[in-house]
Amino acid sequence: MNGDGAAHREKVGRNAQAQLVDLKNRGWPKDGYTVLCFNCNIAKGAHGTCPHVLDRLNHARNGAGDE
């Protein structure tokens, strides 16, 4: 969530299964982790945020839904 996934991968391994097992064993912590789709993960790395967050912010700024 804070761009420090490399530290977690180094601790438990690069294998996605090992990462999920670690999170499950720790009770699926809600703080510090977020699950992103491939596209959002790439966008977050390249631009700092995923397009879905930008869409929600723009939607809120434009007052959509205030009909």
PDB file of N, CA and C in Angstrom:
ATOM      1  N   MET A   1       0.824  -1.186   0.000  1.00  0.00           N
ATOM      2  CA  MET A   1       0.000   0.000   0.000  1.00  0.00           C
ATOM      3  C   MET A   1       0.872   1.256   0.000  1.00  0.00           C
ATOM      4  N   ASN A   2       1.998   1.169   0.653  1.00  0.00           N
ATOM      5  CA  ASN A   2       2.907   2.306   0.741  1.00  0.00           C
ATOM      6  C   ASN A   2       4.107   2.142  -0.175  1.00  0.00           C
ATOM      7  N   GLY A   3       3.990   1.236  -1.135  1.00  0.00           N
ATOM      8  CA  GLY A   3       5.093   1.003  -2.050  1.00  0.00           C
ATOM      9  C   GLY A   3       6.214   0.175  -1.454  1.00  0.00           C
ATOM     10  N   ASP A   4       5.918  -0.524  -0.372  1.00  0.00           N
ATOM     11  CA  ASP A   4       6.960  -1.326   0.273  1.00  0.00           C
ATOM     12  C   ASP A   4       6.705  -2.828   0.142  1.00  0.00           C
ATOM     13  N   GLY A   5       6.054  -3.224  -0.951  1.00  0.00           N
ATOM     14  CA  GLY A   5       5.795  -4.636  -1.190  1.00  0.00           C
ATOM     15  C   GLY A   5       7.058  -5.448  -1.380  1.00  0.00           C
ATOM     16  N   ALA A   6       8.130  -4.784  -1.827  1.00  0.00           N
ATOM     17  CA  ALA A   6       9.398  -5.494  -2.023  1.00  0.00           C
ATOM     18  C   ALA A   6       9.905  -6.075  -0.708  1.00  0.00           C
ATOM     19  N   ALA A   7       9.698  -5.357   0.379  1.00  0.00           N
ATOM     20  CA  ALA A   7      10.139  -5.850   1.686  1.00  0.00           C
ATOM     21  C   ALA A   7       9.369  -7.112   2.073  1.00  0.00           C
ATOM     22  N   HIS A   8       8.066  -7.125   1.793  1.00  0.00           N
ATOM     23  CA  HIS A   8       7.256  -8.302   2.099  1.00  0.00           C
ATOM     24  C   HIS A   8       7.677  -9.478   1.230  1.00  0.00           C
ATOM     25  N   ARG A   9       7.894  -9.222  -0.063  1.00  0.00           N
ATOM     26  CA  ARG A   9       8.326 -10.286  -0.962  1.00  0.00           C
ATOM     27  C   ARG A   9       9.675 -10.844  -0.551  1.00  0.00           C
ATOM     28  N   GLU A  10      10.583  -9.985  -0.103  1.00  0.00           N
ATOM     29  CA  GLU A  10      11.899 -10.454   0.331  1.00  0.00           C
ATOM     30  C   GLU A  10      11.773 -11.334   1.579  1.00  0.00           C
ATOM     31  N   LYS A  11      10.844 -10.984   2.438  1.00  0.00           N
ATOM     32  CA  LYS A  11      10.640 -11.732   3.684  1.00  0.00           C
ATOM     33  C   LYS A  11      10.033 -13.114   3.436  1.00  0.00           C
ATOM     34  N   VAL A  12       8.992 -13.179   2.577  1.00  0.00           N
ATOM     35  CA  VAL A  12       8.254 -14.437   2.419  1.00  0.00           C
ATOM     36  C   VAL A  12       8.500 -15.133   1.089  1.00  0.00           C
ATOM     37  N   GLY A  13       9.125 -14.452   0.141  1.00  0.00           N
ATOM     38  CA  GLY A  13       9.381 -15.040  -1.166  1.00  0.00           C
ATOM     39  C   GLY A  13       8.562 -14.364  -2.247  1.00  0.00           C
ATOM     40  N   ARG A  14       9.026 -14.476  -3.465  1.00  0.00           N
ATOM     41  CA  ARG A  14       8.361 -13.819  -4.590  1.00  0.00           C
ATOM     42  C   ARG A  14       7.138 -14.594  -5.075  1.00  0.00           C
ATOM     43  N   ASN A  15       7.000 -15.830  -4.633  1.00  0.00           N
ATOM     44  CA  ASN A  15       5.887 -16.677  -5.029  1.00  0.00           C
ATOM     45  C   ASN A  15       4.585 -16.103  -4.470  1.00  0.00           C
ATOM     46  N   ALA A  16       3.616 -15.840  -5.340  1.00  0.00           N
ATOM     47  CA  ALA A  16       2.344 -15.253  -4.917  1.00  0.00           C
ATOM     48  C   ALA A  16       1.640 -16.131  -3.895  1.00  0.00           C
ATOM     49  N   GLN A  17       1.740 -17.433  -4.046  1.00  0.00           N
ATOM     50  CA  GLN A  17       1.100 -18.341  -3.085  1.00  0.00           C
ATOM     51  C   GLN A  17       1.706 -18.147  -1.698  1.00  0.00           C
ATOM     52  N   ALA A  18       3.025 -18.035  -1.627  1.00  0.00           N
ATOM     53  CA  ALA A  18       3.689 -17.840  -0.331  1.00  0.00           C
ATOM     54  C   ALA A  18       3.248 -16.521   0.300  1.00  0.00           C
ATOM     55  N   GLN A  19       3.065 -15.498  -0.519  1.00  0.00           N
ATOM     56  CA  GLN A  19       2.621 -14.207   0.000  1.00  0.00           C
ATOM     57  C   GLN A  19       1.202 -14.306   0.561  1.00  0.00           C
ATOM     58  N   LEU A  20       0.326 -14.979  -0.167  1.00  0.00           N
ATOM     59  CA  LEU A  20      -1.054 -15.142   0.310  1.00  0.00           C
ATOM     60  C   LEU A  20      -1.122 -15.987   1.573  1.00  0.00           C
ATOM     61  N   VAL A  21      -0.343 -17.054   1.631  1.00  0.00           N
ATOM     62  CA  VAL A  21      -0.311 -17.902   2.829  1.00  0.00           C
ATOM     63  C   VAL A  21       0.150 -17.079   4.026  1.00  0.00           C
ATOM     64  N   ASP A  22       1.170 -16.256   3.833  1.00  0.00           N
ATOM     65  CA  ASP A  22       1.649 -15.408   4.924  1.00  0.00           C
ATOM     66  C   ASP A  22       0.544 -14.475   5.406  1.00  0.00           C
ATOM     67  N   LEU A  23      -0.148 -13.809   4.469  1.00  0.00           N
ATOM     68  CA  LEU A  23      -1.226 -12.896   4.857  1.00  0.00           C
ATOM     69  C   LEU A  23      -2.357 -13.639   5.558  1.00  0.00           C
ATOM     70  N   LYS A  24      -2.713 -14.822   5.057  1.00  0.00           N
ATOM     71  CA  LYS A  24      -3.775 -15.606   5.684  1.00  0.00           C
ATOM     72  C   LYS A  24      -3.381 -16.007   7.095  1.00  0.00           C
ATOM     73  N   ASN A  25      -2.132 -16.438   7.270  1.00  0.00           N
ATOM     74  CA  ASN A  25      -1.665 -16.845   8.596  1.00  0.00           C
ATOM     75  C   ASN A  25      -1.665 -15.684   9.586  1.00  0.00           C
ATOM     76  N   ARG A  26      -1.587 -14.481   9.079  1.00  0.00           N
ATOM     77  CA  ARG A  26      -1.609 -13.303   9.945  1.00  0.00           C
ATOM     78  C   ARG A  26      -3.013 -12.710  10.070  1.00  0.00           C
ATOM     79  N   GLY A  27      -4.019 -13.462   9.642  1.00  0.00           N
ATOM     80  CA  GLY A  27      -5.405 -13.034   9.821  1.00  0.00           C
ATOM     81  C   GLY A  27      -5.864 -11.980   8.828  1.00  0.00           C
ATOM     82  N   TRP A  28      -5.317 -12.031   7.612  1.00  0.00           N
ATOM     83  CA  TRP A  28      -5.690 -11.097   6.550  1.00  0.00           C
ATOM     84  C   TRP A  28      -5.657  -9.666   7.075  1.00  0.00           C
ATOM     85  N   PRO A  29      -4.478  -9.156   7.408  1.00  0.00           N
ATOM     86  CA  PRO A  29      -4.411  -7.795   7.958  1.00  0.00           C
ATOM     87  C   PRO A  29      -5.012  -6.772   7.008  1.00  0.00           C
ATOM     88  N   LYS A  30      -5.784  -5.853   7.556  1.00  0.00           N
ATOM     89  CA  LYS A  30      -6.446  -4.839   6.747  1.00  0.00           C
ATOM     90  C   LYS A  30      -5.604  -3.576   6.619  1.00  0.00           C
ATOM     91  N   ASP A  31      -4.673  -3.381   7.519  1.00  0.00           N
ATOM     92  CA  ASP A  31      -3.825  -2.190   7.484  1.00  0.00           C
ATOM     93  C   ASP A  31      -2.535  -2.487   6.744  1.00  0.00           C
ATOM     94  N   GLY A  32      -2.216  -1.633   5.801  1.00  0.00           N
ATOM     95  CA  GLY A  32      -0.951  -1.739   5.093  1.00  0.00           C
ATOM     96  C   GLY A  32      -0.974  -2.556   3.820  1.00  0.00           C
ATOM     97  N   TYR A  33      -2.104  -3.179   3.492  1.00  0.00           N
ATOM     98  CA  TYR A  33      -2.190  -4.014   2.295  1.00  0.00           C
ATOM     99  C   TYR A  33      -3.435  -3.661   1.512  1.00  0.00           C
ATOM    100  N   THR A  34      -3.317  -3.760   0.198  1.00  0.00           N
ATOM    101  CA  THR A  34      -4.468  -3.610  -0.677  1.00  0.00           C
ATOM    102  C   THR A  34      -4.276  -4.567  -1.850  1.00  0.00           C
ATOM    103  N   VAL A  35      -5.365  -5.077  -2.357  1.00  0.00           N
ATOM    104  CA  VAL A  35      -5.305  -5.985  -3.495  1.00  0.00           C
ATOM    105  C   VAL A  35      -5.693  -5.195  -4.731  1.00  0.00           C
ATOM    106  N   LEU A  36      -4.819  -5.225  -5.721  1.00  0.00           N
ATOM    107  CA  LEU A  36      -5.063  -4.494  -6.962  1.00  0.00           C
ATOM    108  C   LEU A  36      -5.062  -5.457  -8.139  1.00  0.00           C
ATOM    109  N   CYS A  37      -5.844  -5.124  -9.147  1.00  0.00           N
ATOM    110  CA  CYS A  37      -5.771  -5.882 -10.382  1.00  0.00           C
ATOM    111  C   CYS A  37      -4.449  -5.535 -11.069  1.00  0.00           C
ATOM    112  N   PHE A  38      -4.081  -6.292 -12.076  1.00  0.00           N
ATOM    113  CA  PHE A  38      -2.821  -6.079 -12.778  1.00  0.00           C
ATOM    114  C   PHE A  38      -2.706  -4.649 -13.288  1.00  0.00           C
ATOM    115  N   ASN A  39      -3.738  -4.151 -13.959  1.00  0.00           N
ATOM    116  CA  ASN A  39      -3.685  -2.817 -14.548  1.00  0.00           C
ATOM    117  C   ASN A  39      -3.512  -1.737 -13.483  1.00  0.00           C
ATOM    118  N   CYS A  40      -4.230  -1.859 -12.379  1.00  0.00           N
ATOM    119  CA  CYS A  40      -4.113  -0.860 -11.317  1.00  0.00           C
ATOM    120  C   CYS A  40      -2.741  -0.928 -10.653  1.00  0.00           C
ATOM    121  N   ASN A  41      -2.200  -2.113 -10.501  1.00  0.00           N
ATOM    122  CA  ASN A  41      -0.880  -2.262  -9.905  1.00  0.00           C
ATOM    123  C   ASN A  41       0.175  -1.583 -10.767  1.00  0.00           C
ATOM    124  N   ILE A  42       0.099  -1.775 -12.084  1.00  0.00           N
ATOM    125  CA  ILE A  42       1.049  -1.141 -12.997  1.00  0.00           C
ATOM    126  C   ILE A  42       0.875   0.381 -12.961  1.00  0.00           C
ATOM    127  N   ALA A  43      -0.373   0.857 -13.013  1.00  0.00           N
ATOM    128  CA  ALA A  43      -0.631   2.297 -13.006  1.00  0.00           C
ATOM    129  C   ALA A  43      -0.169   2.926 -11.703  1.00  0.00           C
ATOM    130  N   LYS A  44      -0.391   2.254 -10.594  1.00  0.00           N
ATOM    131  CA  LYS A  44       0.032   2.794  -9.301  1.00  0.00           C
ATOM    132  C   LYS A  44       1.548   2.930  -9.265  1.00  0.00           C
ATOM    133  N   GLY A  45       2.250   1.946  -9.797  1.00  0.00           N
ATOM    134  CA  GLY A  45       3.702   2.020  -9.838  1.00  0.00           C
ATOM    135  C   GLY A  45       4.205   3.114 -10.749  1.00  0.00           C
ATOM    136  N   ALA A  46       3.531   3.327 -11.867  1.00  0.00           N
ATOM    137  CA  ALA A  46       3.984   4.312 -12.850  1.00  0.00           C
ATOM    138  C   ALA A  46       3.508   5.729 -12.541  1.00  0.00           C
ATOM    139  N   HIS A  47       2.302   5.858 -11.985  1.00  0.00           N
ATOM    140  CA  HIS A  47       1.690   7.180 -11.813  1.00  0.00           C
ATOM    141  C   HIS A  47       1.346   7.524 -10.370  1.00  0.00           C
ATOM    142  N   GLY A  48       1.533   6.595  -9.455  1.00  0.00           N
ATOM    143  CA  GLY A  48       1.255   6.870  -8.051  1.00  0.00           C
ATOM    144  C   GLY A  48      -0.141   6.518  -7.589  1.00  0.00           C
ATOM    145  N   THR A  49      -1.040   6.255  -8.517  1.00  0.00           N
ATOM    146  CA  THR A  49      -2.395   5.866  -8.128  1.00  0.00           C
ATOM    147  C   THR A  49      -3.031   5.097  -9.271  1.00  0.00           C
ATOM    148  N   CYS A  50      -4.062   4.358  -8.963  1.00  0.00           N
ATOM    149  CA  CYS A  50      -4.726   3.584 -10.011  1.00  0.00           C
ATOM    150  C   CYS A  50      -5.836   4.419 -10.648  1.00  0.00           C
ATOM    151  N   PRO A  51      -6.222   4.094 -11.868  1.00  0.00           N
ATOM    152  CA  PRO A  51      -7.240   4.887 -12.566  1.00  0.00           C
ATOM    153  C   PRO A  51      -8.598   4.881 -11.864  1.00  0.00           C
ATOM    154  N   HIS A  52      -8.902   3.835 -11.115  1.00  0.00           N
ATOM    155  CA  HIS A  52     -10.194   3.792 -10.429  1.00  0.00           C
ATOM    156  C   HIS A  52     -10.276   4.850  -9.338  1.00  0.00           C
ATOM    157  N   VAL A  53      -9.180   5.089  -8.642  1.00  0.00           N
ATOM    158  CA  VAL A  53      -9.164   6.132  -7.616  1.00  0.00           C
ATOM    159  C   VAL A  53      -9.354   7.488  -8.272  1.00  0.00           C
ATOM    160  N   LEU A  54      -8.671   7.715  -9.387  1.00  0.00           N
ATOM    161  CA  LEU A  54      -8.826   8.990 -10.101  1.00  0.00           C
ATOM    162  C   LEU A  54     -10.257   9.185 -10.567  1.00  0.00           C
ATOM    163  N   ASP A  55     -10.888   8.131 -11.071  1.00  0.00           N
ATOM    164  CA  ASP A  55     -12.284   8.215 -11.507  1.00  0.00           C
ATOM    165  C   ASP A  55     -13.195   8.606 -10.355  1.00  0.00           C
ATOM    166  N   ARG A  56     -13.000   7.983  -9.185  1.00  0.00           N
ATOM    167  CA  ARG A  56     -13.838   8.301  -8.019  1.00  0.00           C
ATOM    168  C   ARG A  56     -13.630   9.743  -7.576  1.00  0.00           C
ATOM    169  N   LEU A  57     -12.380  10.218  -7.580  1.00  0.00           N
ATOM    170  CA  LEU A  57     -12.104  11.603  -7.189  1.00  0.00           C
ATOM    171  C   LEU A  57     -12.737  12.582  -8.154  1.00  0.00           C
ATOM    172  N   ASN A  58     -12.599  12.342  -9.446  1.00  0.00           N
ATOM    173  CA  ASN A  58     -13.210  13.218 -10.451  1.00  0.00           C
ATOM    174  C   ASN A  58     -14.723  13.211 -10.346  1.00  0.00           C
ATOM    175  N   HIS A  59     -15.282  12.047 -10.106  1.00  0.00           N
ATOM    176  CA  HIS A  59     -16.732  11.903  -9.969  1.00  0.00           C
ATOM    177  C   HIS A  59     -17.221  12.734  -8.775  1.00  0.00           C
ATOM    178  N   ALA A  60     -16.499  12.657  -7.658  1.00  0.00           N
ATOM    179  CA  ALA A  60     -16.888  13.401  -6.460  1.00  0.00           C
ATOM    180  C   ALA A  60     -16.728  14.901  -6.672  1.00  0.00           C
ATOM    181  N   ARG A  61     -15.652  15.323  -7.331  1.00  0.00           N
ATOM    182  CA  ARG A  61     -15.395  16.749  -7.571  1.00  0.00           C
ATOM    183  C   ARG A  61     -16.461  17.365  -8.469  1.00  0.00           C
ATOM    184  N   ASN A  62     -16.936  16.585  -9.429  1.00  0.00           N
ATOM    185  CA  ASN A  62     -17.920  17.103 -10.383  1.00  0.00           C
ATOM    186  C   ASN A  62     -19.335  17.049  -9.851  1.00  0.00           C
ATOM    187  N   GLY A  63     -19.497  16.571  -8.628  1.00  0.00           N
ATOM    188  CA  GLY A  63     -20.812  16.542  -8.011  1.00  0.00           C
ATOM    189  C   GLY A  63     -21.753  15.547  -8.635  1.00  0.00           C
ATOM    190  N   ALA A  64     -21.224  14.543  -9.330  1.00  0.00           N
ATOM    191  CA  ALA A  64     -22.076  13.533  -9.940  1.00  0.00           C
ATOM    192  C   ALA A  64     -22.855  12.813  -8.856  1.00  0.00           C
ATOM    193  N   GLY A  65     -24.069  12.512  -9.163  1.00  0.00           N
ATOM    194  CA  GLY A  65     -24.919  11.807  -8.208  1.00  0.00           C
ATOM    195  C   GLY A  65     -25.751  12.742  -7.361  1.00  0.00           C
ATOM    196  N   ASP A  66     -25.632  14.067  -7.610  1.00  0.00           N
ATOM    197  CA  ASP A  66     -26.395  15.043  -6.838  1.00  0.00           C
ATOM    198  C   ASP A  66     -27.689  15.442  -7.528  1.00  0.00           C
ATOM    199  N   GLU A  67     -28.199  14.580  -8.400  1.00  0.00           N
ATOM    200  CA  GLU A  67     -29.409  14.921  -9.136  1.00  0.00           C
ATOM    201  C   GLU A  67     -30.587  15.018  -8.219  1.00  0.00           C
TER     202      GLU A  67
END
